[in-house]
Amino acid sequence: MSSQLDLPADPAARLVKLLPAAERAFGRWAKSLVESEGSTPARFRLLGVLHCKGPQIMSGLGEELGVTARQITNLVDALEKEGLVRRAPHPTDRRATVIEITAQGGKVACQFWHPFHEKLAGLYRELPKKDQRELARLLEAVIEALRRRTDVSSGRRLA
């Protein structure tokens, strides 16, 4: 791997290349798992957000998933046709549409979500428990450092 990435000797500079490379490789692998089940990452993430967080305003879903209004509309349209989500009027804002997961959508999310996460966890289970704990500790520290920098510069928080 190091020859492919042309990694510098400085550990911090190495991490600048390694972390994004790991993120891309992990993302490709996770996407292949989702697609092997006949779904798409966006569809899976939308059902997951609704399943875990409950009904959401349509525009908020787009922001949560990082997709355009057109993309979220197309995705909701497709899932609604399959009976996995439904639109409902917002109780106080006539301009907003609330998206809810249906019982069938919840069933689909549960059937896929837990096995998917177990497959992902299997990657980390290949590491010794000590390394798993250390990697988790280090990633938590990096996320916290990013939160501090983001909070200071823009007032926004990273998830």
N, C-alpha and C. Protein backbone atom coordinates (compact mmCIF):
# COMPACT_ATOMS: atom_id res chain seq x y z
N MET A 1 0.82 -1.19 0.00
CA MET A 1 0.00 0.00 0.00
C MET A 1 0.86 1.25 0.00
N SER A 2 1.93 1.26 0.77
CA SER A 2 2.73 2.48 0.86
C SER A 2 3.33 2.87 -0.48
N SER A 3 3.67 1.91 -1.32
CA SER A 3 4.22 2.27 -2.62
C SER A 3 3.16 2.93 -3.51
N GLN A 4 1.89 2.50 -3.39
CA GLN A 4 0.82 3.09 -4.17
C GLN A 4 0.53 4.52 -3.76
N LEU A 5 0.68 4.81 -2.47
CA LEU A 5 0.33 6.13 -1.96
C LEU A 5 1.52 7.07 -1.87
N ASP A 6 2.74 6.55 -2.06
CA ASP A 6 3.94 7.37 -1.95
C ASP A 6 3.93 8.12 -0.61
N LEU A 7 3.99 7.36 0.48
CA LEU A 7 3.84 7.92 1.81
C LEU A 7 5.12 8.57 2.31
N PRO A 8 5.00 9.77 2.88
CA PRO A 8 6.16 10.45 3.46
C PRO A 8 6.56 9.80 4.79
N ALA A 9 7.74 10.09 5.24
CA ALA A 9 8.23 9.53 6.50
C ALA A 9 7.57 10.18 7.71
N ASP A 10 7.24 11.47 7.62
CA ASP A 10 6.61 12.18 8.74
C ASP A 10 5.27 11.53 9.06
N PRO A 11 5.05 11.07 10.31
CA PRO A 11 3.80 10.38 10.66
C PRO A 11 2.55 11.22 10.40
N ALA A 12 2.55 12.49 10.72
CA ALA A 12 1.38 13.34 10.49
C ALA A 12 1.09 13.46 9.00
N ALA A 13 2.13 13.62 8.20
CA ALA A 13 1.95 13.71 6.75
C ALA A 13 1.46 12.37 6.18
N ARG A 14 1.92 11.27 6.76
CA ARG A 14 1.44 9.94 6.34
C ARG A 14 -0.05 9.82 6.59
N LEU A 15 -0.48 10.28 7.77
CA LEU A 15 -1.89 10.20 8.13
C LEU A 15 -2.77 11.02 7.19
N VAL A 16 -2.24 12.13 6.70
CA VAL A 16 -2.99 12.96 5.75
C VAL A 16 -3.34 12.15 4.51
N LYS A 17 -2.49 11.23 4.12
CA LYS A 17 -2.76 10.38 2.96
C LYS A 17 -3.51 9.10 3.34
N LEU A 18 -3.15 8.52 4.48
CA LEU A 18 -3.73 7.23 4.85
C LEU A 18 -5.20 7.30 5.22
N LEU A 19 -5.60 8.29 6.00
CA LEU A 19 -6.99 8.33 6.44
C LEU A 19 -7.96 8.49 5.28
N PRO A 20 -7.73 9.44 4.36
CA PRO A 20 -8.64 9.51 3.20
C PRO A 20 -8.61 8.24 2.32
N ALA A 21 -7.43 7.62 2.20
CA ALA A 21 -7.34 6.39 1.41
C ALA A 21 -8.15 5.27 2.06
N ALA A 22 -8.08 5.18 3.39
CA ALA A 22 -8.85 4.18 4.12
C ALA A 22 -10.35 4.47 3.98
N GLU A 23 -10.72 5.74 4.06
CA GLU A 23 -12.12 6.13 3.93
C GLU A 23 -12.66 5.74 2.55
N ARG A 24 -11.90 6.02 1.50
CA ARG A 24 -12.33 5.67 0.14
C ARG A 24 -12.47 4.16 -0.02
N ALA A 25 -11.48 3.40 0.47
CA ALA A 25 -11.51 1.94 0.34
C ALA A 25 -12.69 1.36 1.13
N PHE A 26 -12.90 1.87 2.33
CA PHE A 26 -14.02 1.41 3.16
C PHE A 26 -15.34 1.74 2.47
N GLY A 27 -15.46 2.94 1.93
CA GLY A 27 -16.68 3.35 1.24
C GLY A 27 -16.99 2.48 0.04
N ARG A 28 -15.96 2.16 -0.75
CA ARG A 28 -16.16 1.29 -1.92
C ARG A 28 -16.64 -0.10 -1.47
N TRP A 29 -16.03 -0.61 -0.41
CA TRP A 29 -16.40 -1.93 0.08
C TRP A 29 -17.83 -1.92 0.62
N ALA A 30 -18.17 -0.92 1.43
CA ALA A 30 -19.52 -0.82 1.99
C ALA A 30 -20.55 -0.68 0.87
N LYS A 31 -20.23 0.13 -0.14
CA LYS A 31 -21.14 0.30 -1.28
C LYS A 31 -21.36 -1.03 -1.99
N SER A 32 -20.30 -1.82 -2.14
CA SER A 32 -20.44 -3.11 -2.82
C SER A 32 -21.32 -4.05 -2.01
N LEU A 33 -21.26 -3.96 -0.68
CA LEU A 33 -22.13 -4.79 0.17
C LEU A 33 -23.60 -4.40 -0.02
N VAL A 34 -23.86 -3.09 -0.06
CA VAL A 34 -25.23 -2.60 -0.25
C VAL A 34 -25.74 -3.03 -1.62
N GLU A 35 -24.92 -2.84 -2.63
CA GLU A 35 -25.34 -3.17 -4.00
C GLU A 35 -25.53 -4.67 -4.18
N SER A 36 -24.77 -5.48 -3.45
CA SER A 36 -24.93 -6.93 -3.57
C SER A 36 -26.29 -7.38 -3.03
N GLU A 37 -26.93 -6.52 -2.25
CA GLU A 37 -28.27 -6.80 -1.73
C GLU A 37 -29.36 -6.20 -2.62
N GLY A 38 -28.95 -5.62 -3.75
CA GLY A 38 -29.92 -5.07 -4.69
C GLY A 38 -30.42 -3.69 -4.31
N SER A 39 -29.65 -2.96 -3.53
CA SER A 39 -30.05 -1.62 -3.11
C SER A 39 -28.99 -0.62 -3.55
N THR A 40 -29.20 0.63 -3.15
CA THR A 40 -28.20 1.66 -3.40
C THR A 40 -27.86 2.31 -2.06
N PRO A 41 -26.66 2.89 -1.95
CA PRO A 41 -26.30 3.54 -0.69
C PRO A 41 -27.28 4.65 -0.29
N ALA A 42 -27.72 5.46 -1.24
CA ALA A 42 -28.63 6.56 -0.89
C ALA A 42 -29.96 6.02 -0.36
N ARG A 43 -30.49 5.02 -1.00
CA ARG A 43 -31.74 4.40 -0.57
C ARG A 43 -31.59 3.80 0.82
N PHE A 44 -30.51 3.09 1.02
CA PHE A 44 -30.24 2.44 2.29
C PHE A 44 -30.07 3.49 3.40
N ARG A 45 -29.34 4.56 3.11
CA ARG A 45 -29.12 5.60 4.11
C ARG A 45 -30.42 6.32 4.44
N LEU A 46 -31.27 6.59 3.45
CA LEU A 46 -32.54 7.25 3.72
C LEU A 46 -33.41 6.39 4.63
N LEU A 47 -33.55 5.12 4.31
CA LEU A 47 -34.33 4.24 5.17
C LEU A 47 -33.71 4.15 6.57
N GLY A 48 -32.39 4.12 6.63
CA GLY A 48 -31.71 4.06 7.92
C GLY A 48 -31.97 5.29 8.77
N VAL A 49 -31.91 6.47 8.16
CA VAL A 49 -32.17 7.72 8.90
C VAL A 49 -33.59 7.71 9.43
N LEU A 50 -34.55 7.37 8.60
CA LEU A 50 -35.95 7.35 9.04
C LEU A 50 -36.19 6.29 10.11
N HIS A 51 -35.54 5.15 9.95
CA HIS A 51 -35.70 4.06 10.91
C HIS A 51 -35.10 4.44 12.27
N CYS A 52 -33.94 5.07 12.25
CA CYS A 52 -33.24 5.39 13.50
C CYS A 52 -33.71 6.69 14.14
N LYS A 53 -34.04 7.68 13.32
CA LYS A 53 -34.35 9.02 13.85
C LYS A 53 -35.82 9.38 13.78
N GLY A 54 -36.62 8.57 13.11
CA GLY A 54 -38.05 8.86 13.00
C GLY A 54 -38.33 9.80 11.84
N PRO A 55 -39.59 10.24 11.72
CA PRO A 55 -39.99 11.10 10.60
C PRO A 55 -39.11 12.33 10.48
N GLN A 56 -38.85 12.73 9.24
CA GLN A 56 -37.96 13.86 8.96
C GLN A 56 -38.60 14.77 7.91
N ILE A 57 -38.30 16.06 8.02
CA ILE A 57 -38.69 17.00 6.98
C ILE A 57 -37.88 16.68 5.74
N MET A 58 -38.52 16.73 4.59
CA MET A 58 -37.87 16.34 3.33
C MET A 58 -36.58 17.12 3.10
N SER A 59 -36.60 18.42 3.31
CA SER A 59 -35.37 19.20 3.09
C SER A 59 -34.27 18.80 4.07
N GLY A 60 -34.65 18.45 5.28
CA GLY A 60 -33.67 17.99 6.27
C GLY A 60 -33.04 16.67 5.87
N LEU A 61 -33.82 15.80 5.24
CA LEU A 61 -33.28 14.53 4.75
C LEU A 61 -32.20 14.77 3.69
N GLY A 62 -32.48 15.71 2.80
CA GLY A 62 -31.48 16.04 1.77
C GLY A 62 -30.18 16.50 2.39
N GLU A 63 -30.28 17.36 3.39
CA GLU A 63 -29.07 17.84 4.07
C GLU A 63 -28.37 16.70 4.79
N GLU A 64 -29.13 15.87 5.48
CA GLU A 64 -28.58 14.73 6.23
C GLU A 64 -27.81 13.78 5.32
N LEU A 65 -28.37 13.55 4.14
CA LEU A 65 -27.76 12.60 3.20
C LEU A 65 -26.76 13.26 2.26
N GLY A 66 -26.73 14.60 2.25
CA GLY A 66 -25.80 15.30 1.37
C GLY A 66 -26.18 15.19 -0.09
N VAL A 67 -27.49 15.23 -0.37
CA VAL A 67 -27.95 15.16 -1.75
C VAL A 67 -28.81 16.37 -2.07
N THR A 68 -29.01 16.62 -3.34
CA THR A 68 -29.80 17.77 -3.78
C THR A 68 -31.29 17.53 -3.54
N ALA A 69 -32.05 18.62 -3.61
CA ALA A 69 -33.51 18.52 -3.45
C ALA A 69 -34.09 17.59 -4.52
N ARG A 70 -33.60 17.69 -5.74
CA ARG A 70 -34.07 16.83 -6.84
C ARG A 70 -33.79 15.37 -6.52
N GLN A 71 -32.59 15.07 -6.03
CA GLN A 71 -32.23 13.69 -5.72
C GLN A 71 -33.10 13.13 -4.59
N ILE A 72 -33.33 13.92 -3.55
CA ILE A 72 -34.14 13.43 -2.44
C ILE A 72 -35.58 13.21 -2.90
N THR A 73 -36.07 14.10 -3.75
CA THR A 73 -37.43 13.93 -4.28
C THR A 73 -37.53 12.64 -5.08
N ASN A 74 -36.57 12.39 -5.95
CA ASN A 74 -36.58 11.16 -6.76
C ASN A 74 -36.49 9.92 -5.88
N LEU A 75 -35.65 9.99 -4.87
CA LEU A 75 -35.48 8.85 -3.96
C LEU A 75 -36.76 8.59 -3.17
N VAL A 76 -37.36 9.64 -2.63
CA VAL A 76 -38.61 9.49 -1.88
C VAL A 76 -39.72 8.99 -2.81
N ASP A 77 -39.79 9.52 -4.02
CA ASP A 77 -40.80 9.06 -4.98
C ASP A 77 -40.68 7.54 -5.19
N ALA A 78 -39.47 7.07 -5.41
CA ALA A 78 -39.26 5.64 -5.67
C ALA A 78 -39.62 4.80 -4.44
N LEU A 79 -39.20 5.23 -3.27
CA LEU A 79 -39.49 4.47 -2.05
C LEU A 79 -40.97 4.52 -1.71
N GLU A 80 -41.62 5.64 -2.02
CA GLU A 80 -43.05 5.77 -1.78
C GLU A 80 -43.83 4.81 -2.69
N LYS A 81 -43.42 4.70 -3.95
CA LYS A 81 -44.08 3.78 -4.89
C LYS A 81 -43.98 2.33 -4.41
N GLU A 82 -42.89 2.02 -3.70
CA GLU A 82 -42.72 0.66 -3.18
C GLU A 82 -43.39 0.45 -1.83
N GLY A 83 -43.98 1.52 -1.28
CA GLY A 83 -44.66 1.42 0.00
C GLY A 83 -43.72 1.42 1.20
N LEU A 84 -42.49 1.91 1.01
CA LEU A 84 -41.52 1.89 2.10
C LEU A 84 -41.50 3.19 2.90
N VAL A 85 -41.94 4.30 2.29
CA VAL A 85 -42.06 5.58 2.98
C VAL A 85 -43.37 6.23 2.55
N ARG A 86 -43.79 7.23 3.30
CA ARG A 86 -44.97 8.01 2.92
C ARG A 86 -44.72 9.47 3.25
N ARG A 87 -45.37 10.32 2.49
CA ARG A 87 -45.33 11.76 2.74
C ARG A 87 -46.50 12.12 3.65
N ALA A 88 -46.25 13.08 4.52
CA ALA A 88 -47.31 13.58 5.38
C ALA A 88 -47.14 15.09 5.50
N PRO A 89 -48.24 15.82 5.65
CA PRO A 89 -48.09 17.27 5.83
C PRO A 89 -47.45 17.58 7.19
N HIS A 90 -46.65 18.61 7.21
CA HIS A 90 -46.06 19.06 8.47
C HIS A 90 -47.18 19.62 9.33
N PRO A 91 -47.18 19.35 10.63
CA PRO A 91 -48.30 19.80 11.47
C PRO A 91 -48.42 21.32 11.62
N THR A 92 -47.31 22.05 11.45
CA THR A 92 -47.37 23.50 11.65
C THR A 92 -46.85 24.33 10.48
N ASP A 93 -46.12 23.72 9.57
CA ASP A 93 -45.52 24.46 8.45
C ASP A 93 -46.10 23.92 7.14
N ARG A 94 -46.98 24.68 6.52
CA ARG A 94 -47.64 24.22 5.29
C ARG A 94 -46.65 24.00 4.15
N ARG A 95 -45.48 24.64 4.21
CA ARG A 95 -44.50 24.51 3.13
C ARG A 95 -43.67 23.24 3.24
N ALA A 96 -43.65 22.61 4.41
CA ALA A 96 -42.78 21.45 4.65
C ALA A 96 -43.55 20.14 4.48
N THR A 97 -42.84 19.14 4.01
CA THR A 97 -43.39 17.79 3.89
C THR A 97 -42.58 16.88 4.80
N VAL A 98 -43.27 16.09 5.58
CA VAL A 98 -42.62 15.14 6.48
C VAL A 98 -42.59 13.78 5.79
N ILE A 99 -41.45 13.12 5.87
CA ILE A 99 -41.30 11.77 5.31
C ILE A 99 -41.24 10.80 6.48
N GLU A 100 -42.09 9.78 6.41
CA GLU A 100 -42.17 8.76 7.45
C GLU A 100 -41.88 7.40 6.84
N ILE A 101 -41.26 6.55 7.63
CA ILE A 101 -41.05 5.18 7.18
C ILE A 101 -42.33 4.39 7.48
N THR A 102 -42.72 3.53 6.57
CA THR A 102 -43.89 2.68 6.78
C THR A 102 -43.47 1.43 7.55
N ALA A 103 -44.45 0.65 7.95
CA ALA A 103 -44.14 -0.61 8.63
C ALA A 103 -43.30 -1.51 7.71
N GLN A 104 -43.66 -1.54 6.43
CA GLN A 104 -42.90 -2.35 5.47
C GLN A 104 -41.48 -1.80 5.32
N GLY A 105 -41.34 -0.46 5.27
CA GLY A 105 -40.02 0.15 5.18
C GLY A 105 -39.17 -0.17 6.40
N GLY A 106 -39.79 -0.15 7.57
CA GLY A 106 -39.08 -0.50 8.80
C GLY A 106 -38.61 -1.94 8.78
N LYS A 107 -39.45 -2.81 8.24
CA LYS A 107 -39.08 -4.22 8.13
C LYS A 107 -37.89 -4.40 7.20
N VAL A 108 -37.94 -3.72 6.05
CA VAL A 108 -36.84 -3.79 5.08
C VAL A 108 -35.55 -3.25 5.71
N ALA A 109 -35.67 -2.12 6.42
CA ALA A 109 -34.49 -1.51 7.06
C ALA A 109 -33.88 -2.47 8.08
N CYS A 110 -34.72 -3.09 8.91
CA CYS A 110 -34.22 -4.02 9.93
C CYS A 110 -33.58 -5.25 9.31
N GLN A 111 -34.21 -5.78 8.25
CA GLN A 111 -33.68 -6.97 7.61
C GLN A 111 -32.31 -6.72 7.00
N PHE A 112 -32.06 -5.50 6.58
CA PHE A 112 -30.78 -5.19 5.93
C PHE A 112 -29.78 -4.59 6.90
N TRP A 113 -30.24 -3.69 7.77
CA TRP A 113 -29.36 -2.89 8.61
C TRP A 113 -28.47 -3.73 9.51
N HIS A 114 -29.04 -4.63 10.27
CA HIS A 114 -28.25 -5.40 11.24
C HIS A 114 -27.24 -6.33 10.57
N PRO A 115 -27.64 -7.10 9.56
CA PRO A 115 -26.63 -7.92 8.87
C PRO A 115 -25.54 -7.08 8.22
N PHE A 116 -25.91 -5.92 7.66
CA PHE A 116 -24.93 -5.04 7.04
C PHE A 116 -23.90 -4.58 8.07
N HIS A 117 -24.37 -4.14 9.23
CA HIS A 117 -23.44 -3.69 10.26
C HIS A 117 -22.58 -4.83 10.78
N GLU A 118 -23.12 -6.02 10.84
CA GLU A 118 -22.32 -7.17 11.26
C GLU A 118 -21.21 -7.45 10.25
N LYS A 119 -21.50 -7.30 8.95
CA LYS A 119 -20.47 -7.48 7.93
C LYS A 119 -19.37 -6.43 8.09
N LEU A 120 -19.80 -5.18 8.35
CA LEU A 120 -18.81 -4.11 8.56
C LEU A 120 -17.97 -4.38 9.80
N ALA A 121 -18.62 -4.79 10.86
CA ALA A 121 -17.90 -5.07 12.11
C ALA A 121 -16.91 -6.22 11.93
N GLY A 122 -17.24 -7.15 11.03
CA GLY A 122 -16.34 -8.27 10.77
C GLY A 122 -14.96 -7.82 10.31
N LEU A 123 -14.91 -6.71 9.59
CA LEU A 123 -13.62 -6.18 9.17
C LEU A 123 -12.75 -5.86 10.39
N TYR A 124 -13.34 -5.18 11.36
CA TYR A 124 -12.59 -4.77 12.54
C TYR A 124 -12.31 -5.94 13.47
N ARG A 125 -13.16 -6.95 13.42
CA ARG A 125 -12.93 -8.13 14.25
C ARG A 125 -11.70 -8.93 13.80
N GLU A 126 -11.22 -8.63 12.60
CA GLU A 126 -9.97 -9.27 12.16
C GLU A 126 -8.78 -8.72 12.93
N LEU A 127 -8.95 -7.56 13.54
CA LEU A 127 -7.89 -6.97 14.36
C LEU A 127 -7.98 -7.52 15.79
N PRO A 128 -6.86 -7.63 16.48
CA PRO A 128 -6.92 -8.01 17.90
C PRO A 128 -7.74 -6.97 18.68
N LYS A 129 -8.42 -7.42 19.75
CA LYS A 129 -9.27 -6.53 20.56
C LYS A 129 -8.51 -5.28 21.01
N LYS A 130 -7.27 -5.46 21.39
CA LYS A 130 -6.46 -4.32 21.85
C LYS A 130 -6.34 -3.28 20.73
N ASP A 131 -6.11 -3.73 19.50
CA ASP A 131 -6.00 -2.82 18.37
C ASP A 131 -7.34 -2.17 18.04
N GLN A 132 -8.43 -2.93 18.19
CA GLN A 132 -9.76 -2.37 17.97
C GLN A 132 -10.00 -1.21 18.94
N ARG A 133 -9.69 -1.44 20.20
CA ARG A 133 -9.89 -0.38 21.21
C ARG A 133 -9.01 0.83 20.92
N GLU A 134 -7.76 0.58 20.53
CA GLU A 134 -6.84 1.68 20.25
C GLU A 134 -7.28 2.47 19.02
N LEU A 135 -7.72 1.77 17.96
CA LEU A 135 -8.20 2.45 16.77
C LEU A 135 -9.44 3.29 17.10
N ALA A 136 -10.35 2.74 17.89
CA ALA A 136 -11.54 3.49 18.29
C ALA A 136 -11.14 4.73 19.09
N ARG A 137 -10.21 4.58 20.01
CA ARG A 137 -9.76 5.72 20.82
C ARG A 137 -9.14 6.80 19.94
N LEU A 138 -8.31 6.41 19.00
CA LEU A 138 -7.65 7.38 18.12
C LEU A 138 -8.65 8.07 17.20
N LEU A 139 -9.57 7.32 16.63
CA LEU A 139 -10.57 7.94 15.75
C LEU A 139 -11.47 8.90 16.53
N GLU A 140 -11.84 8.54 17.75
CA GLU A 140 -12.63 9.44 18.59
C GLU A 140 -11.86 10.73 18.85
N ALA A 141 -10.56 10.62 19.08
CA ALA A 141 -9.73 11.81 19.32
C ALA A 141 -9.66 12.69 18.07
N VAL A 142 -9.53 12.07 16.89
CA VAL A 142 -9.49 12.83 15.65
C VAL A 142 -10.83 13.53 15.42
N ILE A 143 -11.93 12.82 15.64
CA ILE A 143 -13.25 13.42 15.46
C ILE A 143 -13.44 14.59 16.41
N GLU A 144 -13.01 14.44 17.65
CA GLU A 144 -13.14 15.54 18.62
C GLU A 144 -12.29 16.75 18.20
N ALA A 145 -11.08 16.50 17.72
CA ALA A 145 -10.23 17.61 17.24
C ALA A 145 -10.89 18.31 16.05
N LEU A 146 -11.51 17.55 15.17
CA LEU A 146 -12.22 18.14 14.02
C LEU A 146 -13.42 18.95 14.49
N ARG A 147 -14.14 18.44 15.48
CA ARG A 147 -15.28 19.19 16.02
C ARG A 147 -14.83 20.53 16.59
N ARG A 148 -13.74 20.51 17.34
CA ARG A 148 -13.25 21.77 17.91
C ARG A 148 -12.89 22.76 16.81
N ARG A 149 -12.23 22.31 15.79
CA ARG A 149 -11.85 23.20 14.69
C ARG A 149 -13.07 23.70 13.93
N THR A 150 -14.02 22.83 13.68
CA THR A 150 -15.23 23.21 12.97
C THR A 150 -16.05 24.18 13.80
N ASP A 151 -16.19 23.92 15.09
CA ASP A 151 -16.96 24.81 15.97
C ASP A 151 -16.38 26.21 15.99
N VAL A 152 -15.06 26.31 16.03
CA VAL A 152 -14.39 27.61 16.10
C VAL A 152 -14.52 28.36 14.78
N SER A 153 -14.34 27.66 13.66
CA SER A 153 -14.29 28.35 12.38
C SER A 153 -15.66 28.68 11.80
N SER A 154 -16.67 27.81 12.03
CA SER A 154 -17.95 28.07 11.37
C SER A 154 -19.16 27.95 12.28
N GLY A 155 -18.94 27.48 13.48
CA GLY A 155 -20.07 27.31 14.38
C GLY A 155 -20.87 26.05 14.10
N ARG A 156 -20.51 25.29 13.07
CA ARG A 156 -21.24 24.07 12.74
C ARG A 156 -20.53 22.89 13.37
N ARG A 157 -21.29 21.86 13.65
CA ARG A 157 -20.73 20.64 14.24
C ARG A 157 -20.73 19.52 13.21
N LEU A 158 -19.73 18.70 13.29
CA LEU A 158 -19.70 17.49 12.46
C LEU A 158 -20.45 16.38 13.19
N ALA A 159 -21.05 15.52 12.44
CA ALA A 159 -21.76 14.38 13.05
C ALA A 159 -20.78 13.29 13.40
